[in-house]
Amino acid sequence: DFAFTVAIGSIISSILTSSTSLVHGAVAIVSLLVITFISSYLQRALKF
């Protein structure tokens, strides 16, 4: 979760301060949120 929060901040910074397009950044953020959703499901389902 900590790594996710840092990654989101980095993506937002990249979008607002570089040539990364808004669509590219939005896709990256949505992808990270989906990965987080899958990870939270796996945490509940798989003890290891």
ModelCIF file with pLDDT and N, C-alpha, C, O atoms, coordinates in Angstrom:
data_MODEL
#
_entry.id   MODEL 
#
_entity.id                         1 
_entity.type                       polymer 
_entity.pdbx_number_of_molecules   1 
#
_entity_poly.entity_id                      1 
_entity_poly.type                           'polypeptide(L)' 
_entity_poly.nstd_linkage                   no 
_entity_poly.nstd_monomer                   no 
_entity_poly.pdbx_seq_one_letter_code       DFAFTVAIGSIISSILTSSTSLVHGAVAIVSLLVITFISSYLQRALKF 
_entity_poly.pdbx_seq_one_letter_code_can   DFAFTVAIGSIISSILTSSTSLVHGAVAIVSLLVITFISSYLQRALKF 
_entity_poly.pdbx_strand_id                 A 
#
loop_
_entity_poly_seq.entity_id 
_entity_poly_seq.num 
_entity_poly_seq.mon_id 
_entity_poly_seq.hetero 
1 1  ASP n 
1 2  PHE n 
1 3  ALA n 
1 4  PHE n 
1 5  THR n 
1 6  VAL n 
1 7  ALA n 
1 8  ILE n 
1 9  GLY n 
1 10 SER n 
1 11 ILE n 
1 12 ILE n 
1 13 SER n 
1 14 SER n 
1 15 ILE n 
1 16 LEU n 
1 17 THR n 
1 18 SER n 
1 19 SER n 
1 20 THR n 
1 21 SER n 
1 22 LEU n 
1 23 VAL n 
1 24 HIS n 
1 25 GLY n 
1 26 ALA n 
1 27 VAL n 
1 28 ALA n 
1 29 ILE n 
1 30 VAL n 
1 31 SER n 
1 32 LEU n 
1 33 LEU n 
1 34 VAL n 
1 35 ILE n 
1 36 THR n 
1 37 PHE n 
1 38 ILE n 
1 39 SER n 
1 40 SER n 
1 41 TYR n 
1 42 LEU n 
1 43 GLN n 
1 44 ARG n 
1 45 ALA n 
1 46 LEU n 
1 47 LYS n 
1 48 PHE n 
#
_struct_asym.id          A 
_struct_asym.entity_id   1 
#
loop_
_ma_qa_metric.id 
_ma_qa_metric.mode 
_ma_qa_metric.name 
_ma_qa_metric.software_group_id 
_ma_qa_metric.type 
1 global pLDDT . pLDDT 
2 local  pLDDT . pLDDT 
#
_ma_qa_metric_global.metric_id      1 
_ma_qa_metric_global.metric_value   81.71 
_ma_qa_metric_global.model_id       1 
_ma_qa_metric_global.ordinal_id     1 
#
loop_
_ma_qa_metric_local.label_asym_id 
_ma_qa_metric_local.label_comp_id 
_ma_qa_metric_local.label_seq_id 
_ma_qa_metric_local.metric_id 
_ma_qa_metric_local.metric_value 
_ma_qa_metric_local.model_id 
_ma_qa_metric_local.ordinal_id 
A ASP 1  2 72.00 1 1  
A PHE 2  2 73.00 1 2  
A ALA 3  2 77.00 1 3  
A PHE 4  2 78.00 1 4  
A THR 5  2 78.00 1 5  
A VAL 6  2 81.00 1 6  
A ALA 7  2 84.00 1 7  
A ILE 8  2 82.00 1 8  
A GLY 9  2 83.00 1 9  
A SER 10 2 85.00 1 10 
A ILE 11 2 84.00 1 11 
A ILE 12 2 81.00 1 12 
A SER 13 2 81.00 1 13 
A SER 14 2 80.00 1 14 
A ILE 15 2 78.00 1 15 
A LEU 16 2 75.00 1 16 
A THR 17 2 76.00 1 17 
A SER 18 2 74.00 1 18 
A SER 19 2 70.00 1 19 
A THR 20 2 73.00 1 20 
A SER 21 2 78.00 1 21 
A LEU 22 2 78.00 1 22 
A VAL 23 2 82.00 1 23 
A HIS 24 2 83.00 1 24 
A GLY 25 2 81.00 1 25 
A ALA 26 2 82.00 1 26 
A VAL 27 2 86.00 1 27 
A ALA 28 2 86.00 1 28 
A ILE 29 2 83.00 1 29 
A VAL 30 2 84.00 1 30 
A SER 31 2 87.00 1 31 
A LEU 32 2 84.00 1 32 
A LEU 33 2 82.00 1 33 
A VAL 34 2 85.00 1 34 
A ILE 35 2 85.00 1 35 
A THR 36 2 81.00 1 36 
A PHE 37 2 83.00 1 37 
A ILE 38 2 87.00 1 38 
A SER 39 2 83.00 1 39 
A SER 40 2 82.00 1 40 
A TYR 41 2 88.00 1 41 
A LEU 42 2 88.00 1 42 
A GLN 43 2 84.00 1 43 
A ARG 44 2 85.00 1 44 
A ALA 45 2 91.00 1 45 
A LEU 46 2 89.00 1 46 
A LYS 47 2 84.00 1 47 
A PHE 48 2 86.00 1 48 
#
loop_
_atom_site.group_PDB 
_atom_site.id 
_atom_site.type_symbol 
_atom_site.label_atom_id 
_atom_site.label_alt_id 
_atom_site.label_comp_id 
_atom_site.label_asym_id 
_atom_site.label_entity_id 
_atom_site.label_seq_id 
_atom_site.pdbx_PDB_ins_code 
_atom_site.Cartn_x 
_atom_site.Cartn_y 
_atom_site.Cartn_z 
_atom_site.occupancy 
_atom_site.B_iso_or_equiv 
_atom_site.pdbx_formal_charge 
_atom_site.auth_seq_id 
_atom_site.auth_comp_id 
_atom_site.auth_asym_id 
_atom_site.auth_atom_id 
_atom_site.pdbx_PDB_model_num 
ATOM 1   N N  . ASP A 1 1  ? 0.831  -1.206  0.000   1.00 72.00 ? 1  ASP A N  1 
ATOM 2   C CA . ASP A 1 1  ? 0.000  0.000   0.000   1.00 72.00 ? 1  ASP A CA 1 
ATOM 3   C C  . ASP A 1 1  ? 0.867  1.259   0.000   1.00 72.00 ? 1  ASP A C  1 
ATOM 4   O O  . ASP A 1 1  ? 0.559  2.238   -0.679  1.00 72.00 ? 1  ASP A O  1 
ATOM 5   N N  . PHE A 1 2  ? 1.952  1.217   0.771   1.00 73.00 ? 2  PHE A N  1 
ATOM 6   C CA . PHE A 1 2  ? 2.873  2.355   0.801   1.00 73.00 ? 2  PHE A CA 1 
ATOM 7   C C  . PHE A 1 2  ? 3.493  2.574   -0.581  1.00 73.00 ? 2  PHE A C  1 
ATOM 8   O O  . PHE A 1 2  ? 3.556  3.702   -1.070  1.00 73.00 ? 2  PHE A O  1 
ATOM 9   N N  . ALA A 1 3  ? 3.949  1.481   -1.206  1.00 77.00 ? 3  ALA A N  1 
ATOM 10  C CA . ALA A 1 3  ? 4.549  1.581   -2.541  1.00 77.00 ? 3  ALA A CA 1 
ATOM 11  C C  . ALA A 1 3  ? 3.541  2.123   -3.549  1.00 77.00 ? 3  ALA A C  1 
ATOM 12  O O  . ALA A 1 3  ? 3.890  2.909   -4.430  1.00 77.00 ? 3  ALA A O  1 
ATOM 13  N N  . PHE A 1 4  ? 2.288  1.694   -3.410  1.00 78.00 ? 4  PHE A N  1 
ATOM 14  C CA . PHE A 1 4  ? 1.228  2.181   -4.291  1.00 78.00 ? 4  PHE A CA 1 
ATOM 15  C C  . PHE A 1 4  ? 1.062  3.689   -4.161  1.00 78.00 ? 4  PHE A C  1 
ATOM 16  O O  . PHE A 1 4  ? 0.968  4.396   -5.165  1.00 78.00 ? 4  PHE A O  1 
ATOM 17  N N  . THR A 1 5  ? 1.026  4.180   -2.929  1.00 78.00 ? 5  THR A N  1 
ATOM 18  C CA . THR A 1 5  ? 0.831  5.609   -2.692  1.00 78.00 ? 5  THR A CA 1 
ATOM 19  C C  . THR A 1 5  ? 1.984  6.418   -3.280  1.00 78.00 ? 5  THR A C  1 
ATOM 20  O O  . THR A 1 5  ? 1.764  7.471   -3.878  1.00 78.00 ? 5  THR A O  1 
ATOM 21  N N  . VAL A 1 6  ? 3.216  5.927   -3.111  1.00 81.00 ? 6  VAL A N  1 
ATOM 22  C CA . VAL A 1 6  ? 4.381  6.610   -3.676  1.00 81.00 ? 6  VAL A CA 1 
ATOM 23  C C  . VAL A 1 6  ? 4.301  6.593   -5.204  1.00 81.00 ? 6  VAL A C  1 
ATOM 24  O O  . VAL A 1 6  ? 4.599  7.597   -5.850  1.00 81.00 ? 6  VAL A O  1 
ATOM 25  N N  . ALA A 1 7  ? 3.904  5.467   -5.779  1.00 84.00 ? 7  ALA A N  1 
ATOM 26  C CA . ALA A 1 7  ? 3.812  5.351   -7.243  1.00 84.00 ? 7  ALA A CA 1 
ATOM 27  C C  . ALA A 1 7  ? 2.763  6.310   -7.807  1.00 84.00 ? 7  ALA A C  1 
ATOM 28  O O  . ALA A 1 7  ? 2.985  6.940   -8.841  1.00 84.00 ? 7  ALA A O  1 
ATOM 29  N N  . ILE A 1 8  ? 1.627  6.418   -7.128  1.00 82.00 ? 8  ILE A N  1 
ATOM 30  C CA . ILE A 1 8  ? 0.577  7.346   -7.583  1.00 82.00 ? 8  ILE A CA 1 
ATOM 31  C C  . ILE A 1 8  ? 1.112  8.778   -7.572  1.00 82.00 ? 8  ILE A C  1 
ATOM 32  O O  . ILE A 1 8  ? 0.898  9.535   -8.519  1.00 82.00 ? 8  ILE A O  1 
ATOM 33  N N  . GLY A 1 9  ? 1.804  9.141   -6.498  1.00 83.00 ? 9  GLY A N  1 
ATOM 34  C CA . GLY A 1 9  ? 2.377  10.484  -6.412  1.00 83.00 ? 9  GLY A CA 1 
ATOM 35  C C  . GLY A 1 9  ? 3.370  10.743  -7.528  1.00 83.00 ? 9  GLY A C  1 
ATOM 36  O O  . GLY A 1 9  ? 3.401  11.828  -8.108  1.00 83.00 ? 9  GLY A O  1 
ATOM 37  N N  . SER A 1 10 ? 4.179  9.742   -7.823  1.00 85.00 ? 10 SER A N  1 
ATOM 38  C CA . SER A 1 10 ? 5.168  9.871   -8.885  1.00 85.00 ? 10 SER A CA 1 
ATOM 39  C C  . SER A 1 10 ? 4.495  10.035  -10.255 1.00 85.00 ? 10 SER A C  1 
ATOM 40  O O  . SER A 1 10 ? 4.926  10.845  -11.075 1.00 85.00 ? 10 SER A O  1 
ATOM 41  N N  . ILE A 1 11 ? 3.450  9.268   -10.485 1.00 84.00 ? 11 ILE A N  1 
ATOM 42  C CA . ILE A 1 11 ? 2.728  9.364   -11.768 1.00 84.00 ? 11 ILE A CA 1 
ATOM 43  C C  . ILE A 1 11 ? 2.097  10.749  -11.911 1.00 84.00 ? 11 ILE A C  1 
ATOM 44  O O  . ILE A 1 11 ? 2.192  11.374  -12.968 1.00 84.00 ? 11 ILE A O  1 
ATOM 45  N N  . ILE A 1 12 ? 1.459  11.218  -10.853 1.00 81.00 ? 12 ILE A N  1 
ATOM 46  C CA . ILE A 1 12 ? 0.818  12.536  -10.917 1.00 81.00 ? 12 ILE A CA 1 
ATOM 47  C C  . ILE A 1 12 ? 1.864  13.616  -11.182 1.00 81.00 ? 12 ILE A C  1 
ATOM 48  O O  . ILE A 1 12 ? 1.641  14.518  -11.988 1.00 81.00 ? 12 ILE A O  1 
ATOM 49  N N  . SER A 1 13 ? 3.000  13.520  -10.501 1.00 81.00 ? 13 SER A N  1 
ATOM 50  C CA . SER A 1 13 ? 4.076  14.485  -10.722 1.00 81.00 ? 13 SER A CA 1 
ATOM 51  C C  . SER A 1 13 ? 4.554  14.445  -12.169 1.00 81.00 ? 13 SER A C  1 
ATOM 52  O O  . SER A 1 13 ? 4.786  15.486  -12.784 1.00 81.00 ? 13 SER A O  1 
ATOM 53  N N  . SER A 1 14 ? 4.698  13.245  -12.703 1.00 80.00 ? 14 SER A N  1 
ATOM 54  C CA . SER A 1 14 ? 5.154  13.081  -14.077 1.00 80.00 ? 14 SER A CA 1 
ATOM 55  C C  . SER A 1 14 ? 4.157  13.681  -15.069 1.00 80.00 ? 14 SER A C  1 
ATOM 56  O O  . SER A 1 14 ? 4.543  14.316  -16.051 1.00 80.00 ? 14 SER A O  1 
ATOM 57  N N  . ILE A 1 15 ? 2.885  13.471  -14.798 1.00 78.00 ? 15 ILE A N  1 
ATOM 58  C CA . ILE A 1 15 ? 1.849  14.005  -15.695 1.00 78.00 ? 15 ILE A CA 1 
ATOM 59  C C  . ILE A 1 15 ? 1.885  15.530  -15.698 1.00 78.00 ? 15 ILE A C  1 
ATOM 60  O O  . ILE A 1 15 ? 1.806  16.162  -16.751 1.00 78.00 ? 15 ILE A O  1 
ATOM 61  N N  . LEU A 1 16 ? 2.005  16.108  -14.510 1.00 75.00 ? 16 LEU A N  1 
ATOM 62  C CA . LEU A 1 16 ? 1.894  17.560  -14.390 1.00 75.00 ? 16 LEU A CA 1 
ATOM 63  C C  . LEU A 1 16 ? 3.172  18.308  -14.737 1.00 75.00 ? 16 LEU A C  1 
ATOM 64  O O  . LEU A 1 16 ? 3.125  19.510  -14.999 1.00 75.00 ? 16 LEU A O  1 
ATOM 65  N N  . THR A 1 17 ? 4.319  17.620  -14.745 1.00 76.00 ? 17 THR A N  1 
ATOM 66  C CA . THR A 1 17 ? 5.570  18.345  -14.967 1.00 76.00 ? 17 THR A CA 1 
ATOM 67  C C  . THR A 1 17 ? 6.363  17.871  -16.185 1.00 76.00 ? 17 THR A C  1 
ATOM 68  O O  . THR A 1 17 ? 7.439  18.402  -16.456 1.00 76.00 ? 17 THR A O  1 
ATOM 69  N N  . SER A 1 18 ? 5.863  16.899  -16.912 1.00 74.00 ? 18 SER A N  1 
ATOM 70  C CA . SER A 1 18 ? 6.631  16.431  -18.071 1.00 74.00 ? 18 SER A CA 1 
ATOM 71  C C  . SER A 1 18 ? 5.712  16.277  -19.273 1.00 74.00 ? 18 SER A C  1 
ATOM 72  O O  . SER A 1 18 ? 4.583  16.767  -19.288 1.00 74.00 ? 18 SER A O  1 
ATOM 73  N N  . SER A 1 19 ? 6.217  15.596  -20.255 1.00 70.00 ? 19 SER A N  1 
ATOM 74  C CA . SER A 1 19 ? 5.467  15.444  -21.502 1.00 70.00 ? 19 SER A CA 1 
ATOM 75  C C  . SER A 1 19 ? 4.528  14.239  -21.478 1.00 70.00 ? 19 SER A C  1 
ATOM 76  O O  . SER A 1 19 ? 3.945  13.900  -22.508 1.00 70.00 ? 19 SER A O  1 
ATOM 77  N N  . THR A 1 20 ? 4.368  13.577  -20.311 1.00 73.00 ? 20 THR A N  1 
ATOM 78  C CA . THR A 1 20 ? 3.444  12.447  -20.225 1.00 73.00 ? 20 THR A CA 1 
ATOM 79  C C  . THR A 1 20 ? 2.026  12.962  -20.433 1.00 73.00 ? 20 THR A C  1 
ATOM 80  O O  . THR A 1 20 ? 1.618  13.942  -19.808 1.00 73.00 ? 20 THR A O  1 
ATOM 81  N N  . SER A 1 21 ? 1.276  12.303  -21.308 1.00 78.00 ? 21 SER A N  1 
ATOM 82  C CA . SER A 1 21 ? -0.078 12.773  -21.589 1.00 78.00 ? 21 SER A CA 1 
ATOM 83  C C  . SER A 1 21 ? -1.029 12.411  -20.452 1.00 78.00 ? 21 SER A C  1 
ATOM 84  O O  . SER A 1 21 ? -0.767 11.497  -19.670 1.00 78.00 ? 21 SER A O  1 
ATOM 85  N N  . LEU A 1 22 ? -2.130 13.139  -20.377 1.00 78.00 ? 22 LEU A N  1 
ATOM 86  C CA . LEU A 1 22 ? -3.125 12.877  -19.344 1.00 78.00 ? 22 LEU A CA 1 
ATOM 87  C C  . LEU A 1 22 ? -3.718 11.480  -19.489 1.00 78.00 ? 22 LEU A C  1 
ATOM 88  O O  . LEU A 1 22 ? -3.947 10.798  -18.490 1.00 78.00 ? 22 LEU A O  1 
ATOM 89  N N  . VAL A 1 23 ? -3.965 11.056  -20.708 1.00 82.00 ? 23 VAL A N  1 
ATOM 90  C CA . VAL A 1 23 ? -4.531 9.723   -20.933 1.00 82.00 ? 23 VAL A CA 1 
ATOM 91  C C  . VAL A 1 23 ? -3.546 8.652   -20.474 1.00 82.00 ? 23 VAL A C  1 
ATOM 92  O O  . VAL A 1 23 ? -3.933 7.692   -19.807 1.00 82.00 ? 23 VAL A O  1 
ATOM 93  N N  . HIS A 1 24 ? -2.287 8.814   -20.827 1.00 83.00 ? 24 HIS A N  1 
ATOM 94  C CA . HIS A 1 24 ? -1.258 7.859   -20.414 1.00 83.00 ? 24 HIS A CA 1 
ATOM 95  C C  . HIS A 1 24 ? -1.182 7.784   -18.887 1.00 83.00 ? 24 HIS A C  1 
ATOM 96  O O  . HIS A 1 24 ? -1.126 6.695   -18.317 1.00 83.00 ? 24 HIS A O  1 
ATOM 97  N N  . GLY A 1 25 ? -1.181 8.940   -18.234 1.00 81.00 ? 25 GLY A N  1 
ATOM 98  C CA . GLY A 1 25 ? -1.135 8.985   -16.774 1.00 81.00 ? 25 GLY A CA 1 
ATOM 99  C C  . GLY A 1 25 ? -2.378 8.382   -16.141 1.00 81.00 ? 25 GLY A C  1 
ATOM 100 O O  . GLY A 1 25 ? -2.285 7.650   -15.155 1.00 81.00 ? 25 GLY A O  1 
ATOM 101 N N  . ALA A 1 26 ? -3.542 8.687   -16.705 1.00 82.00 ? 26 ALA A N  1 
ATOM 102 C CA . ALA A 1 26 ? -4.798 8.141   -16.171 1.00 82.00 ? 26 ALA A CA 1 
ATOM 103 C C  . ALA A 1 26 ? -4.817 6.621   -16.298 1.00 82.00 ? 26 ALA A C  1 
ATOM 104 O O  . ALA A 1 26 ? -5.270 5.930   -15.387 1.00 82.00 ? 26 ALA A O  1 
ATOM 105 N N  . VAL A 1 27 ? -4.331 6.099   -17.414 1.00 86.00 ? 27 VAL A N  1 
ATOM 106 C CA . VAL A 1 27 ? -4.264 4.640   -17.601 1.00 86.00 ? 27 VAL A CA 1 
ATOM 107 C C  . VAL A 1 27 ? -3.319 4.028   -16.561 1.00 86.00 ? 27 VAL A C  1 
ATOM 108 O O  . VAL A 1 27 ? -3.608 2.963   -16.014 1.00 86.00 ? 27 VAL A O  1 
ATOM 109 N N  . ALA A 1 28 ? -2.200 4.690   -16.290 1.00 86.00 ? 28 ALA A N  1 
ATOM 110 C CA . ALA A 1 28 ? -1.252 4.187   -15.286 1.00 86.00 ? 28 ALA A CA 1 
ATOM 111 C C  . ALA A 1 28 ? -1.895 4.172   -13.902 1.00 86.00 ? 28 ALA A C  1 
ATOM 112 O O  . ALA A 1 28 ? -1.736 3.205   -13.157 1.00 86.00 ? 28 ALA A O  1 
ATOM 113 N N  . ILE A 1 29 ? -2.610 5.220   -13.556 1.00 83.00 ? 29 ILE A N  1 
ATOM 114 C CA . ILE A 1 29 ? -3.270 5.291   -12.242 1.00 83.00 ? 29 ILE A CA 1 
ATOM 115 C C  . ILE A 1 29 ? -4.353 4.224   -12.124 1.00 83.00 ? 29 ILE A C  1 
ATOM 116 O O  . ILE A 1 29 ? -4.438 3.533   -11.108 1.00 83.00 ? 29 ILE A O  1 
ATOM 117 N N  . VAL A 1 30 ? -5.183 4.086   -13.160 1.00 84.00 ? 30 VAL A N  1 
ATOM 118 C CA . VAL A 1 30 ? -6.237 3.062   -13.131 1.00 84.00 ? 30 VAL A CA 1 
ATOM 119 C C  . VAL A 1 30 ? -5.607 1.674   -13.023 1.00 84.00 ? 30 VAL A C  1 
ATOM 120 O O  . VAL A 1 30 ? -6.103 0.825   -12.283 1.00 84.00 ? 30 VAL A O  1 
ATOM 121 N N  . SER A 1 31 ? -4.519 1.441   -13.756 1.00 87.00 ? 31 SER A N  1 
ATOM 122 C CA . SER A 1 31 ? -3.842 0.139   -13.687 1.00 87.00 ? 31 SER A CA 1 
ATOM 123 C C  . SER A 1 31 ? -3.352 -0.148  -12.275 1.00 87.00 ? 31 SER A C  1 
ATOM 124 O O  . SER A 1 31 ? -3.527 -1.259  -11.774 1.00 87.00 ? 31 SER A O  1 
ATOM 125 N N  . LEU A 1 32 ? -2.743 0.836   -11.628 1.00 84.00 ? 32 LEU A N  1 
ATOM 126 C CA . LEU A 1 32 ? -2.276 0.643   -10.258 1.00 84.00 ? 32 LEU A CA 1 
ATOM 127 C C  . LEU A 1 32 ? -3.436 0.370   -9.296  1.00 84.00 ? 32 LEU A C  1 
ATOM 128 O O  . LEU A 1 32 ? -3.323 -0.467  -8.400  1.00 84.00 ? 32 LEU A O  1 
ATOM 129 N N  . LEU A 1 33 ? -4.547 1.079   -9.487  1.00 82.00 ? 33 LEU A N  1 
ATOM 130 C CA . LEU A 1 33 ? -5.708 0.846   -8.625  1.00 82.00 ? 33 LEU A CA 1 
ATOM 131 C C  . LEU A 1 33 ? -6.279 -0.556  -8.826  1.00 82.00 ? 33 LEU A C  1 
ATOM 132 O O  . LEU A 1 33 ? -6.693 -1.203  -7.864  1.00 82.00 ? 33 LEU A O  1 
ATOM 133 N N  . VAL A 1 34 ? -6.301 -1.022  -10.060 1.00 85.00 ? 34 VAL A N  1 
ATOM 134 C CA . VAL A 1 34 ? -6.780 -2.387  -10.331 1.00 85.00 ? 34 VAL A CA 1 
ATOM 135 C C  . VAL A 1 34 ? -5.824 -3.411  -9.718  1.00 85.00 ? 34 VAL A C  1 
ATOM 136 O O  . VAL A 1 34 ? -6.271 -4.405  -9.145  1.00 85.00 ? 34 VAL A O  1 
ATOM 137 N N  . ILE A 1 35 ? -4.519 -3.179  -9.831  1.00 85.00 ? 35 ILE A N  1 
ATOM 138 C CA . ILE A 1 35 ? -3.539 -4.083  -9.216  1.00 85.00 ? 35 ILE A CA 1 
ATOM 139 C C  . ILE A 1 35 ? -3.734 -4.113  -7.702  1.00 85.00 ? 35 ILE A C  1 
ATOM 140 O O  . ILE A 1 35 ? -3.639 -5.175  -7.088  1.00 85.00 ? 35 ILE A O  1 
ATOM 141 N N  . THR A 1 36 ? -4.004 -2.959  -7.098  1.00 81.00 ? 36 THR A N  1 
ATOM 142 C CA . THR A 1 36 ? -4.252 -2.888  -5.658  1.00 81.00 ? 36 THR A CA 1 
ATOM 143 C C  . THR A 1 36 ? -5.503 -3.670  -5.279  1.00 81.00 ? 36 THR A C  1 
ATOM 144 O O  . THR A 1 36 ? -5.525 -4.372  -4.268  1.00 81.00 ? 36 THR A O  1 
ATOM 145 N N  . PHE A 1 37 ? -6.544 -3.543  -6.097  1.00 83.00 ? 37 PHE A N  1 
ATOM 146 C CA . PHE A 1 37 ? -7.788 -4.274  -5.857  1.00 83.00 ? 37 PHE A CA 1 
ATOM 147 C C  . PHE A 1 37 ? -7.529 -5.784  -5.912  1.00 83.00 ? 37 PHE A C  1 
ATOM 148 O O  . PHE A 1 37 ? -7.982 -6.522  -5.038  1.00 83.00 ? 37 PHE A O  1 
ATOM 149 N N  . ILE A 1 38 ? -6.811 -6.238  -6.923  1.00 87.00 ? 38 ILE A N  1 
ATOM 150 C CA . ILE A 1 38 ? -6.489 -7.666  -7.059  1.00 87.00 ? 38 ILE A CA 1 
ATOM 151 C C  . ILE A 1 38 ? -5.617 -8.122  -5.889  1.00 87.00 ? 38 ILE A C  1 
ATOM 152 O O  . ILE A 1 38 ? -5.824 -9.203  -5.338  1.00 87.00 ? 38 ILE A O  1 
ATOM 153 N N  . SER A 1 39 ? -4.646 -7.297  -5.517  1.00 83.00 ? 39 SER A N  1 
ATOM 154 C CA . SER A 1 39 ? -3.760 -7.640  -4.408  1.00 83.00 ? 39 SER A CA 1 
ATOM 155 C C  . SER A 1 39 ? -4.532 -7.770  -3.092  1.00 83.00 ? 39 SER A C  1 
ATOM 156 O O  . SER A 1 39 ? -4.267 -8.683  -2.310  1.00 83.00 ? 39 SER A O  1 
ATOM 157 N N  . SER A 1 40 ? -5.472 -6.876  -2.845  1.00 82.00 ? 40 SER A N  1 
ATOM 158 C CA . SER A 1 40 ? -6.246 -6.964  -1.593  1.00 82.00 ? 40 SER A CA 1 
ATOM 159 C C  . SER A 1 40 ? -7.110 -8.227  -1.584  1.00 82.00 ? 40 SER A C  1 
ATOM 160 O O  . SER A 1 40 ? -7.320 -8.829  -0.531  1.00 82.00 ? 40 SER A O  1 
ATOM 161 N N  . TYR A 1 41 ? -7.609 -8.625  -2.752  1.00 88.00 ? 41 TYR A N  1 
ATOM 162 C CA . TYR A 1 41 ? -8.373 -9.877  -2.841  1.00 88.00 ? 41 TYR A CA 1 
ATOM 163 C C  . TYR A 1 41 ? -7.462 -11.071 -2.550  1.00 88.00 ? 41 TYR A C  1 
ATOM 164 O O  . TYR A 1 41 ? -7.836 -11.973 -1.800  1.00 88.00 ? 41 TYR A O  1 
ATOM 165 N N  . LEU A 1 42 ? -6.267 -11.073 -3.146  1.00 88.00 ? 42 LEU A N  1 
ATOM 166 C CA . LEU A 1 42 ? -5.324 -12.174 -2.932  1.00 88.00 ? 42 LEU A CA 1 
ATOM 167 C C  . LEU A 1 42 ? -4.882 -12.252 -1.468  1.00 88.00 ? 42 LEU A C  1 
ATOM 168 O O  . LEU A 1 42 ? -4.658 -13.345 -0.947  1.00 88.00 ? 42 LEU A O  1 
ATOM 169 N N  . GLN A 1 43 ? -4.757 -11.099 -0.805  1.00 84.00 ? 43 GLN A N  1 
ATOM 170 C CA . GLN A 1 43 ? -4.391 -11.095 0.615   1.00 84.00 ? 43 GLN A CA 1 
ATOM 171 C C  . GLN A 1 43 ? -5.449 -11.809 1.454   1.00 84.00 ? 43 GLN A C  1 
ATOM 172 O O  . GLN A 1 43 ? -5.119 -12.538 2.389   1.00 84.00 ? 43 GLN A O  1 
ATOM 173 N N  . ARG A 1 44 ? -6.698 -11.599 1.120   1.00 85.00 ? 44 ARG A N  1 
ATOM 174 C CA . ARG A 1 44 ? -7.781 -12.266 1.869   1.00 85.00 ? 44 ARG A CA 1 
ATOM 175 C C  . ARG A 1 44 ? -7.862 -13.744 1.521   1.00 85.00 ? 44 ARG A C  1 
ATOM 176 O O  . ARG A 1 44 ? -8.165 -14.566 2.385   1.00 85.00 ? 44 ARG A O  1 
ATOM 177 N N  . ALA A 1 45 ? -7.595 -14.091 0.265   1.00 91.00 ? 45 ALA A N  1 
ATOM 178 C CA . ALA A 1 45 ? -7.779 -15.458 -0.197  1.00 91.00 ? 45 ALA A CA 1 
ATOM 179 C C  . ALA A 1 45 ? -6.571 -16.362 0.073   1.00 91.00 ? 45 ALA A C  1 
ATOM 180 O O  . ALA A 1 45 ? -6.744 -17.550 0.346   1.00 91.00 ? 45 ALA A O  1 
ATOM 181 N N  . LEU A 1 46 ? -5.365 -15.821 0.002   1.00 89.00 ? 46 LEU A N  1 
ATOM 182 C CA . LEU A 1 46 ? -4.151 -16.636 0.114   1.00 89.00 ? 46 LEU A CA 1 
ATOM 183 C C  . LEU A 1 46 ? -3.275 -16.151 1.270   1.00 89.00 ? 46 LEU A C  1 
ATOM 184 O O  . LEU A 1 46 ? -2.714 -15.056 1.226   1.00 89.00 ? 46 LEU A O  1 
ATOM 185 N N  . LYS A 1 47 ? -3.173 -16.977 2.289   1.00 84.00 ? 47 LYS A N  1 
ATOM 186 C CA . LYS A 1 47 ? -2.403 -16.626 3.486   1.00 84.00 ? 47 LYS A CA 1 
ATOM 187 C C  . LYS A 1 47 ? -0.929 -16.382 3.152   1.00 84.00 ? 47 LYS A C  1 
ATOM 188 O O  . LYS A 1 47 ? -0.328 -15.439 3.666   1.00 84.00 ? 47 LYS A O  1 
ATOM 189 N N  . PHE A 1 48 ? -0.339 -17.232 2.288   1.00 86.00 ? 48 PHE A N  1 
ATOM 190 C CA . PHE A 1 48 ? 1.079  -17.067 1.969   1.00 86.00 ? 48 PHE A CA 1 
ATOM 191 C C  . PHE A 1 48 ? 1.333  -15.729 1.269   1.00 86.00 ? 48 PHE A C  1 
ATOM 192 O O  . PHE A 1 48 ? 2.473  -15.419 0.925   1.00 86.00 ? 48 PHE A O  1 
#
